[in-house]
Protein backbone atom coordinates (compact mmCIF):
# COMPACT_ATOMS: atom_id res chain seq x y z
CA MET A 1 0.00 0.00 0.00
CA PRO A 2 1.21 3.58 -0.54
CA ASP A 3 3.12 4.96 2.44
CA SER A 4 0.54 7.76 2.76
CA MET A 5 -2.35 5.29 3.08
CA VAL A 6 -3.39 3.89 6.45
CA ALA A 7 -3.96 0.15 6.17
CA PRO A 8 -7.74 -0.45 6.04
CA LEU A 9 -7.81 -2.67 9.15
CA SER A 10 -5.22 -0.77 11.14
CA GLY A 11 -6.32 -0.65 14.80
CA ILE A 12 -8.31 -3.91 14.57
CA THR A 13 -7.11 -6.75 16.80
CA VAL A 14 -7.80 -10.31 15.68
CA ILE A 15 -7.22 -13.41 17.81
CA GLU A 16 -6.71 -16.55 15.73
CA ILE A 17 -7.20 -20.06 17.15
CA CYS A 18 -6.76 -22.03 13.94
CA ASN A 19 -4.81 -24.79 12.26
CA VAL A 20 -3.60 -25.53 8.72
CA ALA A 21 -5.34 -23.59 5.95
CA ALA A 22 -8.84 -22.08 5.96
CA GLY A 23 -8.57 -20.15 9.22
CA PRO A 24 -4.91 -19.15 8.91
CA PHE A 25 -5.50 -17.96 5.33
CA CYS A 26 -8.39 -15.80 6.52
CA GLY A 27 -6.23 -14.46 9.34
CA MET A 28 -3.40 -13.62 6.96
CA LEU A 29 -5.77 -11.71 4.66
CA LEU A 30 -6.90 -9.61 7.62
CA ALA A 31 -3.30 -9.11 8.76
CA ASP A 32 -2.24 -8.11 5.24
CA MET A 33 -4.89 -5.38 5.44
CA GLY A 34 -3.37 -4.04 8.64
CA ALA A 35 -5.03 -5.98 11.48
CA ASP A 36 -2.95 -6.90 14.51
CA LEU A 37 -3.20 -10.68 14.28
CA ILE A 38 -2.36 -12.65 17.43
CA LYS A 39 -2.18 -16.38 16.80
CA ILE A 40 -2.80 -18.66 19.80
CA GLU A 41 -1.00 -22.00 19.41
CA HIS A 42 -0.53 -25.07 21.56
CA PRO A 43 2.86 -25.05 23.32
CA GLU A 44 3.73 -28.49 21.93
CA GLY A 45 4.16 -28.11 18.19
CA GLY A 46 1.71 -25.28 17.57
CA ASP A 47 -0.25 -25.10 14.33
CA THR A 48 0.12 -28.51 12.65
CA LEU A 49 1.09 -26.72 9.45
CA ARG A 50 4.44 -26.00 11.11
CA SER A 51 5.40 -29.63 10.46
CA TRP A 52 4.50 -29.65 6.75
CA PRO A 53 7.33 -29.75 4.21
CA PRO A 54 9.22 -28.18 2.60
CA ILE A 55 11.21 -27.69 5.79
CA THR A 56 14.07 -25.18 5.48
CA GLN A 57 16.54 -25.57 8.34
CA GLY A 58 13.77 -26.67 10.69
CA TYR A 59 11.08 -24.25 9.54
CA SER A 60 8.07 -24.98 7.32
CA GLU A 61 7.73 -22.81 4.22
CA ASN A 62 4.10 -23.97 3.96
CA PHE A 63 3.49 -22.40 7.37
CA ALA A 64 5.34 -19.26 6.35
CA SER A 65 3.11 -18.87 3.29
CA LEU A 66 -0.04 -18.45 5.45
CA ASN A 67 1.26 -16.76 8.58
CA ARG A 68 3.10 -13.57 7.69
CA ASN A 69 2.21 -10.35 9.54
CA LYS A 70 1.15 -12.33 12.64
CA ARG A 71 2.36 -12.63 16.22
CA SER A 72 2.42 -16.01 17.99
CA VAL A 73 1.66 -16.87 21.61
CA THR A 74 1.37 -20.30 23.18
CA LEU A 75 -1.45 -21.34 25.51
CA ASN A 76 -2.65 -24.76 26.55
CA LEU A 77 -6.40 -24.34 26.16
CA LYS A 78 -7.02 -27.40 28.33
CA ASP A 79 -5.39 -25.65 31.28
CA ALA A 80 -7.69 -23.46 33.42
CA ARG A 81 -5.08 -20.73 34.00
CA ASP A 82 -4.29 -20.51 30.30
CA ILE A 83 -8.00 -20.39 29.48
CA GLU A 84 -8.33 -17.35 31.73
CA VAL A 85 -5.40 -15.70 29.95
CA ALA A 86 -7.07 -16.41 26.61
CA ARG A 87 -10.33 -14.89 27.88
CA ASP A 88 -8.49 -11.76 28.98
CA LEU A 89 -6.80 -11.50 25.60
CA ILE A 90 -10.08 -11.92 23.71
CA ALA A 91 -11.82 -9.39 25.94
CA GLY A 92 -9.71 -6.66 24.37
CA ALA A 93 -9.98 -7.90 20.80
CA ASP A 94 -12.28 -6.98 17.93
CA VAL A 95 -12.39 -10.39 16.26
CA LEU A 96 -11.96 -14.02 17.29
CA LEU A 97 -11.30 -16.43 14.43
CA GLU A 98 -11.47 -20.20 15.01
CA ASN A 99 -11.73 -23.29 12.82
CA ASN A 100 -12.36 -26.07 15.31
CA ARG A 101 -15.14 -28.63 15.03
CA PRO A 102 -18.45 -27.21 16.33
CA GLY A 103 -18.76 -27.56 20.09
CA VAL A 104 -15.03 -27.63 20.85
CA MET A 105 -14.77 -23.95 21.77
CA GLU A 106 -17.86 -24.20 24.00
CA ARG A 107 -16.35 -27.14 25.88
CA LEU A 108 -13.21 -25.08 26.45
CA GLY A 109 -15.24 -22.20 27.85
CA LEU A 110 -14.44 -20.06 24.81
CA GLY A 111 -17.78 -20.19 23.00
CA TYR A 112 -19.41 -17.06 21.63
CA ALA A 113 -22.10 -16.82 24.31
CA ALA A 114 -19.51 -16.81 27.10
CA LEU A 115 -17.12 -14.39 25.44
CA ARG A 116 -19.65 -11.78 24.37
CA GLU A 117 -20.64 -11.21 28.01
CA ARG A 118 -17.27 -9.54 28.57
CA ASN A 119 -16.91 -8.16 25.04
CA PRO A 120 -20.28 -7.40 23.41
CA ARG A 121 -18.53 -5.85 20.38
CA LEU A 122 -16.73 -9.10 19.59
CA LEU A 123 -17.03 -10.53 16.09
CA TYR A 124 -16.67 -14.28 16.53
CA CYS A 125 -16.01 -16.09 13.25
CA SER A 126 -16.21 -19.89 13.12
CA ILE A 127 -14.99 -21.80 10.07
CA SER A 128 -15.98 -25.46 9.91
CA ALA A 129 -16.64 -28.18 7.38
CA TYR A 130 -20.45 -28.04 7.39
CA GLY A 131 -21.49 -25.18 9.66
CA GLN A 132 -22.33 -24.76 13.34
CA SER A 133 -25.72 -26.51 13.17
CA GLY A 134 -27.54 -29.12 11.12
CA PRO A 135 -27.33 -32.88 10.56
CA ARG A 136 -23.70 -32.81 9.41
CA ALA A 137 -22.37 -30.20 11.83
CA GLN A 138 -20.43 -32.74 13.90
CA GLU A 139 -18.77 -34.35 10.89
CA GLY A 140 -15.16 -33.45 10.30
CA GLY A 141 -13.96 -32.36 6.91
CA PHE A 142 -10.83 -31.67 4.92
CA ASP A 143 -10.43 -30.06 1.54
CA LEU A 144 -10.63 -33.44 -0.23
CA THR A 145 -13.86 -34.53 1.45
CA ILE A 146 -15.50 -31.15 0.87
CA GLN A 147 -14.51 -31.21 -2.80
CA ALA A 148 -16.13 -34.64 -2.98
CA MET A 149 -19.27 -33.62 -1.08
CA SER A 150 -19.73 -30.28 -2.86
CA GLY A 151 -19.83 -31.62 -6.41
CA ILE A 152 -16.47 -30.19 -7.47
CA MET A 153 -15.02 -33.65 -8.11
CA SER A 154 -18.02 -34.54 -10.28
CA VAL A 155 -17.07 -31.82 -12.78
CA THR A 156 -13.28 -32.10 -12.55
CA GLY A 157 -11.24 -34.31 -14.87
CA GLU A 158 -11.90 -35.99 -18.19
CA GLN A 159 -15.13 -37.66 -19.23
CA GLY A 160 -15.17 -41.28 -18.06
CA GLY A 161 -12.16 -40.74 -15.80
CA ALA A 162 -11.76 -41.44 -12.10
CA PRO A 163 -12.80 -38.73 -9.61
CA VAL A 164 -10.23 -35.94 -9.54
CA LYS A 165 -9.92 -33.09 -7.07
CA CYS A 166 -8.81 -29.62 -8.04
CA GLY A 167 -5.05 -29.43 -7.48
CA VAL A 168 -5.45 -26.22 -5.46
CA PRO A 169 -7.33 -26.62 -2.13
CA VAL A 170 -10.30 -24.54 -3.23
CA ALA A 171 -12.58 -25.61 -0.35
CA ASP A 172 -10.11 -24.39 2.28
CA PHE A 173 -9.23 -21.15 0.56
CA SER A 174 -12.72 -20.18 -0.60
CA ALA A 175 -13.90 -20.57 3.01
CA GLY A 176 -11.02 -18.37 4.15
CA LEU A 177 -11.94 -15.72 1.58
CA TYR A 178 -15.63 -15.74 2.56
CA ALA A 179 -14.66 -15.47 6.23
CA ALA A 180 -12.32 -12.52 5.66
CA PHE A 181 -14.92 -10.73 3.52
CA SER A 182 -17.62 -11.33 6.13
CA ILE A 183 -15.46 -10.09 8.99
CA ALA A 184 -14.41 -6.94 7.13
CA SER A 185 -18.05 -6.25 6.23
CA ALA A 186 -19.37 -6.92 9.74
CA LEU A 187 -16.85 -4.53 11.29
CA ARG A 188 -18.84 -1.67 9.78
CA GLN A 189 -21.96 -2.88 11.56
CA VAL A 190 -20.10 -3.15 14.86
CA GLN A 191 -18.94 0.44 14.44
CA ALA A 192 -22.54 1.54 13.86
CA SER A 193 -24.31 -0.54 16.52
CA GLY A 194 -21.69 -1.51 19.07
CA GLN A 195 -22.88 -5.11 18.85
CA GLY A 196 -20.83 -8.05 17.64
CA ALA A 197 -22.06 -11.24 16.00
CA HIS A 198 -21.27 -14.90 15.48
CA ILE A 199 -20.25 -15.47 11.85
CA ASP A 200 -20.75 -19.06 10.68
CA VAL A 201 -18.68 -19.95 7.58
CA SER A 202 -18.83 -23.51 6.27
CA MET A 203 -16.42 -24.95 3.74
CA LEU A 204 -19.34 -26.72 2.05
CA GLY A 205 -21.33 -23.50 1.71
CA ALA A 206 -18.32 -21.52 0.46
CA THR A 207 -17.50 -24.17 -2.12
CA LEU A 208 -21.08 -24.23 -3.36
CA GLY A 209 -21.02 -20.43 -3.41
CA ILE A 210 -18.16 -20.32 -5.90
CA ALA A 211 -19.95 -22.96 -8.02
CA ALA A 212 -22.68 -20.51 -9.05
CA LEU A 213 -22.47 -21.45 -12.74
CA GLN A 214 -22.76 -25.15 -11.96
CA THR A 215 -25.65 -24.86 -9.49
CA SER A 216 -27.55 -22.51 -11.83
CA GLU A 217 -27.01 -24.97 -14.69
CA PHE A 218 -28.73 -27.64 -12.60
CA PHE A 219 -31.53 -25.33 -11.43
CA GLY A 220 -32.17 -24.18 -14.99
CA SER A 221 -31.97 -27.51 -16.80
CA GLY A 222 -32.57 -30.19 -14.17
CA ARG A 223 -29.37 -31.90 -15.36
CA ASP A 224 -26.14 -32.40 -13.48
CA PRO A 225 -23.14 -30.57 -14.98
CA ALA A 226 -20.69 -33.04 -16.49
CA LYS A 227 -16.92 -33.43 -16.62
CA LEU A 228 -15.47 -31.73 -19.68
CA GLY A 229 -11.75 -31.79 -18.95
CA SER A 230 -10.52 -28.30 -19.76
CA ALA A 231 -13.51 -27.50 -21.99
CA HIS A 232 -16.50 -25.27 -21.20
CA PRO A 233 -20.17 -26.31 -21.27
CA ARG A 234 -21.33 -23.10 -22.96
CA ASN A 235 -18.37 -21.77 -24.96
CA ALA A 236 -16.10 -23.10 -27.68
CA PRO A 237 -13.33 -23.06 -28.67
CA TYR A 238 -12.47 -22.67 -25.01
CA GLN A 239 -10.04 -25.27 -23.66
CA ALA A 240 -6.52 -26.69 -23.77
CA PHE A 241 -5.54 -27.78 -27.28
CA ARG A 242 -2.87 -30.24 -28.34
CA CYS A 243 -0.22 -28.91 -30.69
CA ARG A 244 3.11 -30.21 -32.06
CA ASP A 245 5.08 -29.96 -28.81
CA GLY A 246 2.37 -30.24 -26.15
CA TYR A 247 -0.64 -28.12 -25.21
CA PHE A 248 -1.72 -24.50 -24.89
CA GLY A 249 -4.91 -22.84 -23.69
CA MET A 250 -7.11 -20.71 -25.93
CA ALA A 251 -10.51 -19.16 -25.21
CA ALA A 252 -12.66 -17.59 -27.92
CA GLY A 253 -15.81 -16.90 -25.94
CA ASN A 254 -17.76 -14.83 -28.48
CA ASN A 255 -18.41 -14.58 -32.21
CA ALA A 256 -15.87 -11.82 -32.83
CA LEU A 257 -13.09 -13.89 -31.24
CA TRP A 258 -14.26 -16.98 -33.12
CA LYS A 259 -13.90 -15.02 -36.37
CA SER A 260 -10.35 -14.15 -35.36
CA VAL A 261 -9.61 -17.82 -34.68
CA CYS A 262 -10.82 -18.71 -38.16
CA ALA A 263 -8.47 -16.08 -39.59
CA VAL A 264 -5.47 -17.30 -37.57
CA VAL A 265 -5.90 -20.88 -38.78
CA ASP A 266 -6.69 -19.65 -42.33
CA GLN A 267 -10.13 -21.25 -42.41
CA ALA A 268 -12.48 -18.35 -43.14
CA ASP A 269 -15.20 -20.74 -44.34
CA TRP A 270 -15.54 -22.17 -40.82
CA TYR A 271 -17.11 -18.91 -39.72
CA ALA A 272 -20.06 -19.59 -42.03
CA ASP A 273 -20.38 -23.24 -41.00
CA PRO A 274 -23.88 -23.63 -39.46
CA ARG A 275 -22.48 -25.99 -36.79
CA PHE A 276 -20.45 -23.08 -35.43
CA ALA A 277 -22.82 -20.16 -35.98
CA ASP A 278 -22.95 -19.06 -32.32
CA THR A 279 -21.43 -19.91 -28.96
CA SER A 280 -24.16 -22.43 -28.06
CA LEU A 281 -23.78 -24.31 -31.34
CA ARG A 282 -20.00 -24.30 -31.06
CA ALA A 283 -20.28 -25.68 -27.52
CA ARG A 284 -22.70 -28.37 -28.73
CA ASN A 285 -20.28 -29.36 -31.49
CA GLN A 286 -17.05 -28.73 -29.61
CA ASP A 287 -15.67 -32.25 -29.98
CA VAL A 288 -15.60 -32.07 -33.76
CA LEU A 289 -14.40 -28.47 -33.60
CA ARG A 290 -11.54 -29.47 -31.29
CA ASP A 291 -10.48 -32.23 -33.69
CA MET A 292 -10.54 -29.82 -36.65
CA LEU A 293 -8.45 -27.25 -34.80
CA GLU A 294 -5.95 -29.75 -33.40
CA ALA A 295 -5.32 -31.15 -36.88
CA ILE A 296 -4.04 -27.68 -37.78
CA PHE A 297 -2.34 -26.97 -34.44
CA ALA A 298 -0.29 -30.17 -34.84
CA ARG A 299 1.75 -28.44 -37.56
CA GLU A 300 3.44 -25.97 -35.17
CA ASP A 301 4.67 -25.62 -31.59
CA ALA A 302 2.73 -23.88 -28.82
CA ALA A 303 4.94 -20.77 -29.00
CA HIS A 304 3.92 -20.25 -32.63
CA TRP A 305 0.21 -20.44 -31.93
CA LEU A 306 0.42 -18.33 -28.80
CA ALA A 307 2.16 -15.57 -30.74
CA ARG A 308 -0.42 -15.74 -33.54
CA PHE A 309 -3.42 -15.67 -31.21
CA ARG A 310 -1.98 -12.85 -29.10
CA GLU A 311 -1.41 -10.82 -32.24
CA ALA A 312 -5.06 -11.43 -33.19
CA GLY A 313 -6.30 -10.43 -29.73
CA VAL A 314 -7.58 -13.91 -28.83
CA PRO A 315 -7.04 -14.79 -25.12
CA CYS A 316 -4.52 -17.60 -24.87
CA ALA A 317 -1.86 -18.88 -22.50
CA PRO A 318 0.80 -21.56 -22.09
CA ILE A 319 0.09 -24.45 -19.71
CA ASN A 320 2.49 -23.25 -17.04
CA SER A 321 4.07 -25.03 -14.14
CA TYR A 322 4.34 -22.95 -10.96
CA SER A 323 8.04 -22.34 -11.58
CA GLN A 324 7.14 -20.91 -14.98
CA VAL A 325 4.28 -18.65 -13.90
CA LEU A 326 6.21 -17.32 -10.89
CA ASP A 327 8.96 -16.34 -13.35
CA ASP A 328 6.53 -14.60 -15.71
CA PRO A 329 7.27 -10.91 -16.41
CA GLN A 330 3.73 -9.93 -15.38
CA VAL A 331 4.25 -11.45 -11.93
CA ALA A 332 7.56 -9.58 -11.66
CA HIS A 333 5.94 -6.31 -12.75
CA MET A 334 3.22 -6.59 -10.11
CA GLY A 335 5.80 -7.30 -7.40
CA TRP A 336 3.85 -10.28 -6.12
CA VAL A 337 6.85 -12.47 -5.24
CA GLN A 338 8.55 -11.01 -2.18
CA ALA A 339 11.49 -11.91 0.00
CA VAL A 340 10.60 -13.05 3.49
CA GLU A 341 12.77 -14.03 6.41
CA LEU A 342 12.04 -17.16 8.41
CA PRO A 343 12.42 -17.12 12.22
CA ASN A 344 15.70 -19.02 11.82
CA GLY A 345 17.14 -16.12 9.81
CA VAL A 346 16.98 -17.88 6.45
CA SER A 347 15.70 -15.73 3.59
CA THR A 348 13.18 -17.30 1.23
CA ARG A 349 10.45 -16.09 -1.12
CA THR A 350 6.69 -16.02 -0.80
CA PHE A 351 3.71 -14.89 -2.83
CA GLY A 352 2.52 -11.66 -1.25
CA MET A 353 -0.81 -9.87 -1.29
CA PRO A 354 -2.07 -9.78 -4.91
CA VAL A 355 -4.21 -6.63 -4.42
CA ARG A 356 -2.82 -3.18 -5.23
CA PHE A 357 -3.91 0.21 -3.90
CA ASP A 358 -3.05 3.22 -6.06
CA GLY A 359 -0.60 1.07 -7.99
CA GLN A 360 1.22 -0.33 -4.97
CA GLY A 361 0.96 -3.75 -3.34
CA GLY A 362 1.08 -4.57 0.35
CA ALA A 363 4.44 -4.93 2.04
CA ILE A 364 5.21 -7.75 4.44
CA ARG A 365 5.33 -5.84 7.72
CA GLN A 366 6.35 -8.79 9.87
CA ARG A 367 7.91 -12.14 9.08
CA PRO A 368 6.02 -15.31 10.06
CA PRO A 369 6.52 -15.93 13.79
CA GLY A 370 8.36 -18.59 15.66
CA LEU A 371 6.20 -20.66 17.98
CA GLY A 372 5.42 -18.56 21.06
CA GLU A 373 7.77 -15.82 19.89
CA HIS A 374 5.59 -13.07 21.36
CA ASN A 375 4.69 -14.67 24.69
CA ASP A 376 6.54 -12.13 26.85
CA GLU A 377 5.34 -9.18 24.82
CA ILE A 378 1.64 -10.12 24.76
CA LEU A 379 1.04 -12.59 27.59
CA GLY A 380 3.45 -11.15 30.13
CA PRO A 381 1.18 -8.28 31.25
CA LEU A 382 -1.88 -10.56 31.30
CA ARG A 383 -0.15 -13.17 33.46
CA ALA A 384 1.13 -10.46 35.79
CA ARG A 385 -2.40 -9.17 36.31
CA GLN A 386 -3.63 -12.73 36.84
CA LEU A 387 -1.01 -13.32 39.55
CA ALA A 388 -1.79 -9.99 41.20
CA ALA A 389 -5.49 -10.83 41.30
CA GLU A 390 -4.78 -14.23 42.83
CA GLY A 391 -2.51 -12.65 45.42
CA ALA A 392 -5.21 -10.17 46.40
CA LYS A 393 -7.68 -12.92 47.26
């Protein structure tokens, strides 16, 4: 963000009691926007993501990728004294973020009803697999099982193939995005009314929410969407195409772009072919259209076709690996890959905040924390007050 701009969530304190992905991703988004994020971890091992490889000199780069701009304290939430410290910490916070199974926080004495008595302005956000109530509320869930339950695996992969999950954990990260958006939105209401709320974010609901085109296809037609590989149910040509040295992606989602495709492959008569007269007809006949195009694409390498389609203004792209896309000049221009220091002093790289304000991205204000690194700074005063209160009795 520009130096002259105050971070949007500056002055907001968030307590995070989360593990692995959905909750920590949400917390990092809030921290990137300026919130003071205090992460409560178990003294023995902390967030389980800390043990996930790649491990660089004893420190997980997976953990680092979701926990920048945070401070870490350790509390054993099964210990009564530590529970009291946690309550004191939350009493002064604006937001509590947790992703435990429903009922766990209540059993610990850290449920919303108990905490709002001391802090009525508290926004309490719970991320879970299926939500805080209902017939599946007590079922656990991971990204794989939610992708299976939500229908994502039914539309992912090639026709006739085995079930395939999306390679990116979309259930975890869509839930984290919904949670961060909901918290940021609800903070305005707290400012206006002085009253907090319990925000219930389910991975299943978030994953169905981002499947709006698939659910509306079912509601409108009564038919389940089908696997199409890289193709599109309503547009063509719009998929990965085989060429002489591999594959490339090309998307001509309207008639003007389709006309440009015909010109690039020197087949002007295809534009008048009644099978391909509009997007719906091209989608209906996309198998034969793919075969016709790939017969021509087989004559040249991907680089040739990408250059031709870019020149014609047709959206296209190579099928990148992550090493290739992270080395792309557009990524470099946006400044998305940033250096970050690990708690052990080793310098590595991470993908920073992808949003820009007035042409500038967000800086990493604070490296990811070591386990319990901020205990003295944050918990010291709380424990001192706790001891003083016990001594006064």
